[in-house]
Amino acid sequence: MIKFSAAKLCLLTGSLLAVAATNASAAAGGIECRQNYQIVNGQPISTPYCRDGYLAEVARQYGFKASAASLRNNPSRKAEICSYVGDDIRVQNTCAEVLPTPFGPR
C-alpha cells in the first residue's frame, strides 16, 4: 500500500509540474511579435514591447550582445545600441524615441 501511494504521489507531482510548465510557456509565449508589430486578433499593432525585441534582434545581427529585456529595462543601454544601429531603416522609428533630434537644417 505504501509503495502504491508513493507511486501515485510521484505521478501526481510529475503531472502538476508538467501542467505548470505548460502554463508558464503559454504565458511567456502569449505575445506574438512580427518585427516591430504585435499581432492582436490577426492585426499588426506597433508596440514598445515588440519594437524593443526587434531592436535587440537587429543589434545581435550587428554583433552586439543585447536582449529585449535589457533594452526594455535600461534606457541607457537602448540609447547606446541605437547610437550604433539607429541608422538602419528597420529600427529608425524605434531609435527615434531615444536619440536626440537635430534642430533645424545642417
Foldseek 3Di string as FASTA:
>chain_A
DVVVVVVVVVVVVVVVVVVVVVVVVCVVPVWDEDQQFTQDPNDTDGDLLNLLQNLCVVLVVVPDNDHSVCVVVDVVVVQVSCVPCCVPPSNVVVNVVRDDDDDDDD
